[in-house]
Amino acid sequence: MFNFFNKEIRYARRSSGWSKLRKEHIKKQPCCMACGTKKELEVHHIIPVHLAPEFELNPNNLITLCDKCHFLIGHLKDYKSWNENVVQDSEILLEKIKNRPYSLDNAEYEVIIDTVMES
């Protein structure tokens, strides 16, 4: 059985132009598009290379994700799989993170309580 956490497998057999393209992509998109971090960045192929090798070096087929979001959002917690909606899901999560609540005023609290009680 394959160990998909093994970097030799995850990063196996890339085209000779991959390293250069990856660096250029990180310069253009220097943070995780799902959570905003600038640490431990990965360049994820939106359409997996094993399904469409002709898109490996297509800049429009790339999205920057941190290592954690790459596994969770890019591969849905399984490196044998992929997320067909990775771009949209990343946008949604980043928007939620940017607008996360930290407190409620009394009026907002009452609306939430009423909504929960009606369910």
N, C-alpha and C. Protein backbone atom coordinates (compact mmCIF):
# COMPACT_ATOMS: atom_id res chain seq x y z
N MET A 1 0.84 -1.18 0.00
CA MET A 1 0.00 0.00 0.00
C MET A 1 0.88 1.25 0.00
N PHE A 2 0.46 2.27 -0.74
CA PHE A 2 1.22 3.51 -0.83
C PHE A 2 1.06 4.35 0.42
N ASN A 3 2.13 5.01 0.81
CA ASN A 3 2.08 5.97 1.90
C ASN A 3 2.00 7.35 1.25
N PHE A 4 0.81 7.94 1.18
CA PHE A 4 0.63 9.20 0.48
C PHE A 4 1.12 10.40 1.28
N PHE A 5 1.61 10.17 2.49
CA PHE A 5 2.27 11.25 3.23
C PHE A 5 3.74 11.31 2.88
N ASN A 6 4.25 10.29 2.22
CA ASN A 6 5.65 10.23 1.82
C ASN A 6 5.89 11.26 0.72
N LYS A 7 6.80 12.21 0.98
CA LYS A 7 7.05 13.29 0.02
C LYS A 7 7.57 12.77 -1.31
N GLU A 8 8.26 11.65 -1.32
CA GLU A 8 8.74 11.10 -2.58
C GLU A 8 7.57 10.72 -3.49
N ILE A 9 6.49 10.25 -2.90
CA ILE A 9 5.31 9.89 -3.69
C ILE A 9 4.51 11.14 -4.04
N ARG A 10 4.31 12.02 -3.07
CA ARG A 10 3.51 13.23 -3.31
C ARG A 10 4.13 14.12 -4.37
N TYR A 11 5.44 14.18 -4.44
CA TYR A 11 6.11 15.09 -5.36
C TYR A 11 6.81 14.34 -6.49
N ALA A 12 6.34 13.16 -6.79
CA ALA A 12 7.01 12.32 -7.78
C ALA A 12 6.85 12.85 -9.20
N ARG A 13 7.87 12.68 -9.98
CA ARG A 13 7.88 12.89 -11.43
C ARG A 13 7.20 14.16 -11.91
N ARG A 14 7.85 15.23 -11.77
CA ARG A 14 7.36 16.50 -12.30
C ARG A 14 8.17 16.87 -13.53
N SER A 15 7.56 17.63 -14.41
CA SER A 15 8.25 18.11 -15.61
C SER A 15 9.43 18.98 -15.22
N SER A 16 10.38 19.10 -16.13
CA SER A 16 11.58 19.89 -15.85
C SER A 16 11.24 21.36 -15.57
N GLY A 17 10.12 21.86 -16.09
CA GLY A 17 9.73 23.26 -15.87
C GLY A 17 8.94 23.49 -14.59
N TRP A 18 8.66 22.42 -13.84
CA TRP A 18 7.81 22.55 -12.66
C TRP A 18 8.42 23.44 -11.58
N SER A 19 9.67 23.25 -11.28
CA SER A 19 10.30 24.02 -10.20
C SER A 19 10.24 25.52 -10.47
N LYS A 20 10.53 25.91 -11.69
CA LYS A 20 10.49 27.33 -12.07
C LYS A 20 9.05 27.86 -11.99
N LEU A 21 8.11 27.11 -12.53
CA LEU A 21 6.71 27.54 -12.51
C LEU A 21 6.20 27.66 -11.08
N ARG A 22 6.58 26.71 -10.23
CA ARG A 22 6.16 26.73 -8.82
C ARG A 22 6.64 28.00 -8.14
N LYS A 23 7.91 28.36 -8.35
CA LYS A 23 8.46 29.58 -7.75
C LYS A 23 7.73 30.82 -8.26
N GLU A 24 7.47 30.86 -9.57
CA GLU A 24 6.75 32.00 -10.15
C GLU A 24 5.34 32.10 -9.57
N HIS A 25 4.69 30.96 -9.42
CA HIS A 25 3.33 30.96 -8.88
C HIS A 25 3.30 31.47 -7.44
N ILE A 26 4.23 31.01 -6.62
CA ILE A 26 4.30 31.46 -5.22
C ILE A 26 4.54 32.97 -5.15
N LYS A 27 5.31 33.52 -6.07
CA LYS A 27 5.52 34.97 -6.09
C LYS A 27 4.21 35.70 -6.40
N LYS A 28 3.41 35.16 -7.31
CA LYS A 28 2.14 35.79 -7.70
C LYS A 28 1.05 35.57 -6.65
N GLN A 29 1.09 34.42 -6.00
CA GLN A 29 0.06 34.05 -5.02
C GLN A 29 0.78 33.59 -3.75
N PRO A 30 1.28 34.55 -2.96
CA PRO A 30 2.20 34.22 -1.86
C PRO A 30 1.57 33.80 -0.53
N CYS A 31 0.30 33.47 -0.55
CA CYS A 31 -0.33 32.99 0.69
C CYS A 31 -1.38 31.95 0.35
N CYS A 32 -1.74 31.19 1.36
CA CYS A 32 -2.75 30.16 1.19
C CYS A 32 -4.08 30.82 0.83
N MET A 33 -4.67 30.35 -0.23
CA MET A 33 -5.92 30.94 -0.70
C MET A 33 -7.12 30.46 0.11
N ALA A 34 -6.89 29.55 1.06
CA ALA A 34 -7.98 29.07 1.90
C ALA A 34 -7.93 29.64 3.31
N CYS A 35 -6.73 29.90 3.84
CA CYS A 35 -6.66 30.40 5.22
C CYS A 35 -5.82 31.67 5.36
N GLY A 36 -5.06 32.02 4.35
CA GLY A 36 -4.31 33.27 4.37
C GLY A 36 -2.90 33.18 4.90
N THR A 37 -2.48 32.04 5.42
CA THR A 37 -1.13 31.94 5.98
C THR A 37 -0.07 32.01 4.87
N LYS A 38 1.11 32.37 5.27
CA LYS A 38 2.24 32.41 4.34
C LYS A 38 3.28 31.35 4.69
N LYS A 39 2.89 30.42 5.55
CA LYS A 39 3.81 29.37 6.02
C LYS A 39 3.51 28.04 5.35
N GLU A 40 4.56 27.26 5.11
CA GLU A 40 4.46 25.90 4.59
C GLU A 40 3.55 25.81 3.36
N LEU A 41 3.85 26.63 2.35
CA LEU A 41 3.00 26.71 1.16
C LEU A 41 3.25 25.58 0.18
N GLU A 42 2.16 25.14 -0.42
CA GLU A 42 2.17 24.12 -1.47
C GLU A 42 1.51 24.74 -2.69
N VAL A 43 1.89 24.28 -3.87
CA VAL A 43 1.18 24.67 -5.09
C VAL A 43 0.38 23.45 -5.52
N HIS A 44 -0.92 23.60 -5.48
CA HIS A 44 -1.85 22.50 -5.75
C HIS A 44 -2.36 22.58 -7.18
N HIS A 45 -2.42 21.43 -7.85
CA HIS A 45 -3.01 21.36 -9.18
C HIS A 45 -4.53 21.20 -9.04
N ILE A 46 -5.28 22.12 -9.60
CA ILE A 46 -6.73 22.08 -9.52
C ILE A 46 -7.26 20.83 -10.22
N ILE A 47 -6.79 20.59 -11.42
CA ILE A 47 -7.05 19.32 -12.11
C ILE A 47 -5.80 18.48 -11.89
N PRO A 48 -5.92 17.35 -11.22
CA PRO A 48 -4.74 16.56 -10.88
C PRO A 48 -3.89 16.16 -12.08
N VAL A 49 -2.60 16.15 -11.88
CA VAL A 49 -1.65 15.81 -12.94
C VAL A 49 -1.90 14.39 -13.46
N HIS A 50 -2.24 13.47 -12.57
CA HIS A 50 -2.45 12.09 -13.05
C HIS A 50 -3.68 11.96 -13.95
N LEU A 51 -4.61 12.91 -13.87
CA LEU A 51 -5.79 12.89 -14.75
C LEU A 51 -5.57 13.66 -16.04
N ALA A 52 -4.79 14.73 -15.95
CA ALA A 52 -4.55 15.59 -17.13
C ALA A 52 -3.12 16.11 -17.10
N PRO A 53 -2.16 15.25 -17.45
CA PRO A 53 -0.75 15.66 -17.41
C PRO A 53 -0.45 16.87 -18.29
N GLU A 54 -1.27 17.10 -19.30
CA GLU A 54 -1.06 18.25 -20.19
C GLU A 54 -1.29 19.59 -19.48
N PHE A 55 -1.95 19.57 -18.32
CA PHE A 55 -2.19 20.81 -17.56
C PHE A 55 -1.20 21.01 -16.41
N GLU A 56 -0.21 20.15 -16.30
CA GLU A 56 0.75 20.26 -15.19
C GLU A 56 1.41 21.63 -15.13
N LEU A 57 1.78 22.19 -16.27
CA LEU A 57 2.49 23.46 -16.29
C LEU A 57 1.60 24.63 -16.72
N ASN A 58 0.30 24.45 -16.65
CA ASN A 58 -0.63 25.52 -16.98
C ASN A 58 -0.86 26.36 -15.72
N PRO A 59 -0.44 27.64 -15.73
CA PRO A 59 -0.59 28.48 -14.54
C PRO A 59 -2.03 28.62 -14.06
N ASN A 60 -3.00 28.45 -14.95
CA ASN A 60 -4.41 28.56 -14.57
C ASN A 60 -4.91 27.32 -13.84
N ASN A 61 -4.08 26.29 -13.77
CA ASN A 61 -4.45 25.06 -13.09
C ASN A 61 -3.84 24.98 -11.69
N LEU A 62 -3.37 26.09 -11.17
CA LEU A 62 -2.66 26.10 -9.90
C LEU A 62 -3.34 26.99 -8.87
N ILE A 63 -3.25 26.57 -7.62
CA ILE A 63 -3.71 27.38 -6.50
C ILE A 63 -2.74 27.15 -5.34
N THR A 64 -2.42 28.22 -4.63
CA THR A 64 -1.54 28.11 -3.46
C THR A 64 -2.37 27.73 -2.25
N LEU A 65 -1.92 26.68 -1.56
CA LEU A 65 -2.53 26.23 -0.32
C LEU A 65 -1.42 25.92 0.67
N CYS A 66 -1.65 26.17 1.95
CA CYS A 66 -0.67 25.76 2.94
C CYS A 66 -0.73 24.24 3.06
N ASP A 67 0.23 23.66 3.73
CA ASP A 67 0.29 22.20 3.85
C ASP A 67 -1.00 21.62 4.43
N LYS A 68 -1.55 22.26 5.46
CA LYS A 68 -2.77 21.75 6.10
C LYS A 68 -3.98 21.87 5.17
N CYS A 69 -4.14 23.03 4.53
CA CYS A 69 -5.28 23.23 3.62
C CYS A 69 -5.12 22.38 2.37
N HIS A 70 -3.88 22.14 1.95
CA HIS A 70 -3.64 21.28 0.80
C HIS A 70 -4.24 19.90 1.05
N PHE A 71 -4.00 19.35 2.23
CA PHE A 71 -4.53 18.02 2.58
C PHE A 71 -6.04 18.07 2.79
N LEU A 72 -6.50 19.05 3.57
CA LEU A 72 -7.92 19.13 3.94
C LEU A 72 -8.81 19.57 2.78
N ILE A 73 -8.48 20.67 2.13
CA ILE A 73 -9.34 21.24 1.10
C ILE A 73 -8.97 20.76 -0.30
N GLY A 74 -7.66 20.66 -0.56
CA GLY A 74 -7.22 20.23 -1.88
C GLY A 74 -7.46 18.76 -2.15
N HIS A 75 -7.34 17.94 -1.09
CA HIS A 75 -7.47 16.49 -1.26
C HIS A 75 -8.55 15.87 -0.38
N LEU A 76 -9.34 16.67 0.31
CA LEU A 76 -10.44 16.19 1.14
C LEU A 76 -9.98 15.10 2.11
N LYS A 77 -8.80 15.35 2.71
CA LYS A 77 -8.20 14.49 3.72
C LYS A 77 -7.79 13.11 3.19
N ASP A 78 -7.50 13.04 1.90
CA ASP A 78 -7.06 11.77 1.31
C ASP A 78 -6.28 12.10 0.05
N TYR A 79 -4.96 11.90 0.08
CA TYR A 79 -4.14 12.26 -1.07
C TYR A 79 -4.46 11.45 -2.32
N LYS A 80 -5.25 10.39 -2.20
CA LYS A 80 -5.67 9.63 -3.38
C LYS A 80 -6.85 10.32 -4.07
N SER A 81 -7.41 11.34 -3.44
CA SER A 81 -8.58 12.03 -3.95
C SER A 81 -8.24 13.50 -4.24
N TRP A 82 -9.21 14.25 -4.71
CA TRP A 82 -9.04 15.67 -4.96
C TRP A 82 -10.40 16.35 -4.85
N ASN A 83 -10.37 17.66 -4.68
CA ASN A 83 -11.58 18.46 -4.52
C ASN A 83 -11.85 19.19 -5.83
N GLU A 84 -12.90 18.82 -6.51
CA GLU A 84 -13.25 19.47 -7.78
C GLU A 84 -13.62 20.94 -7.59
N ASN A 85 -13.96 21.33 -6.35
CA ASN A 85 -14.37 22.71 -6.05
C ASN A 85 -13.35 23.42 -5.18
N VAL A 86 -12.08 23.07 -5.32
CA VAL A 86 -11.04 23.61 -4.44
C VAL A 86 -10.97 25.13 -4.47
N VAL A 87 -11.13 25.73 -5.63
CA VAL A 87 -11.05 27.20 -5.72
C VAL A 87 -12.22 27.84 -4.97
N GLN A 88 -13.42 27.38 -5.24
CA GLN A 88 -14.60 27.95 -4.59
C GLN A 88 -14.58 27.69 -3.09
N ASP A 89 -14.23 26.47 -2.69
CA ASP A 89 -14.19 26.15 -1.26
C ASP A 89 -13.14 26.98 -0.54
N SER A 90 -12.01 27.23 -1.20
CA SER A 90 -10.97 28.06 -0.60
C SER A 90 -11.45 29.49 -0.43
N GLU A 91 -12.14 30.02 -1.43
CA GLU A 91 -12.68 31.38 -1.34
C GLU A 91 -13.67 31.51 -0.19
N ILE A 92 -14.53 30.52 -0.05
CA ILE A 92 -15.54 30.54 1.02
C ILE A 92 -14.87 30.52 2.38
N LEU A 93 -13.91 29.62 2.57
CA LEU A 93 -13.25 29.53 3.87
C LEU A 93 -12.48 30.80 4.19
N LEU A 94 -11.75 31.34 3.22
CA LEU A 94 -10.98 32.56 3.47
C LEU A 94 -11.90 33.72 3.85
N GLU A 95 -13.03 33.82 3.19
CA GLU A 95 -14.00 34.88 3.52
C GLU A 95 -14.53 34.69 4.94
N LYS A 96 -14.82 33.46 5.33
CA LYS A 96 -15.28 33.19 6.70
C LYS A 96 -14.20 33.55 7.72
N ILE A 97 -12.97 33.22 7.41
CA ILE A 97 -11.87 33.54 8.32
C ILE A 97 -11.70 35.05 8.45
N LYS A 98 -11.76 35.75 7.33
CA LYS A 98 -11.61 37.21 7.37
C LYS A 98 -12.73 37.89 8.16
N ASN A 99 -13.91 37.29 8.16
CA ASN A 99 -15.07 37.90 8.80
C ASN A 99 -15.55 37.14 10.03
N ARG A 100 -14.67 36.36 10.63
CA ARG A 100 -15.09 35.55 11.79
C ARG A 100 -15.52 36.46 12.94
N PRO A 101 -16.57 36.05 13.63
CA PRO A 101 -17.06 36.86 14.75
C PRO A 101 -16.24 36.61 16.01
N TYR A 102 -16.14 37.65 16.79
CA TYR A 102 -15.46 37.53 18.09
C TYR A 102 -16.39 37.87 19.24
N SER A 103 -17.44 38.60 18.94
CA SER A 103 -18.42 38.92 19.99
C SER A 103 -19.74 39.31 19.33
N LEU A 104 -20.79 39.30 20.12
CA LEU A 104 -22.11 39.69 19.66
C LEU A 104 -22.65 40.79 20.56
N ASP A 105 -23.37 41.73 19.96
CA ASP A 105 -24.08 42.67 20.82
C ASP A 105 -25.41 42.00 21.18
N ASN A 106 -26.15 42.59 22.07
CA ASN A 106 -27.38 41.96 22.58
C ASN A 106 -28.40 41.69 21.49
N ALA A 107 -28.55 42.60 20.53
CA ALA A 107 -29.53 42.42 19.46
C ALA A 107 -29.15 41.22 18.59
N GLU A 108 -27.88 41.10 18.25
CA GLU A 108 -27.43 39.95 17.45
C GLU A 108 -27.63 38.65 18.21
N TYR A 109 -27.35 38.68 19.51
CA TYR A 109 -27.53 37.50 20.36
C TYR A 109 -28.99 37.05 20.36
N GLU A 110 -29.90 37.99 20.50
CA GLU A 110 -31.33 37.67 20.52
C GLU A 110 -31.78 37.06 19.20
N VAL A 111 -31.30 37.57 18.07
CA VAL A 111 -31.66 37.03 16.76
C VAL A 111 -31.16 35.58 16.63
N ILE A 112 -29.96 35.32 17.06
CA ILE A 112 -29.40 33.97 16.99
C ILE A 112 -30.18 33.02 17.89
N ILE A 113 -30.49 33.45 19.10
CA ILE A 113 -31.25 32.61 20.04
C ILE A 113 -32.63 32.30 19.45
N ASP A 114 -33.31 33.31 18.89
CA ASP A 114 -34.62 33.09 18.31
C ASP A 114 -34.53 32.10 17.14
N THR A 115 -33.54 32.23 16.32
CA THR A 115 -33.35 31.34 15.16
C THR A 115 -33.13 29.91 15.61
N VAL A 116 -32.29 29.72 16.62
CA VAL A 116 -31.99 28.38 17.14
C VAL A 116 -33.24 27.76 17.76
N MET A 117 -33.99 28.56 18.50
CA MET A 117 -35.17 28.04 19.18
C MET A 117 -36.28 27.67 18.20
N GLU A 118 -36.33 28.34 17.04
CA GLU A 118 -37.34 28.03 16.04
C GLU A 118 -37.03 26.73 15.31
N SER A 119 -35.81 26.30 15.31
CA SER A 119 -35.40 25.09 14.56
C SER A 119 -35.95 23.83 15.15
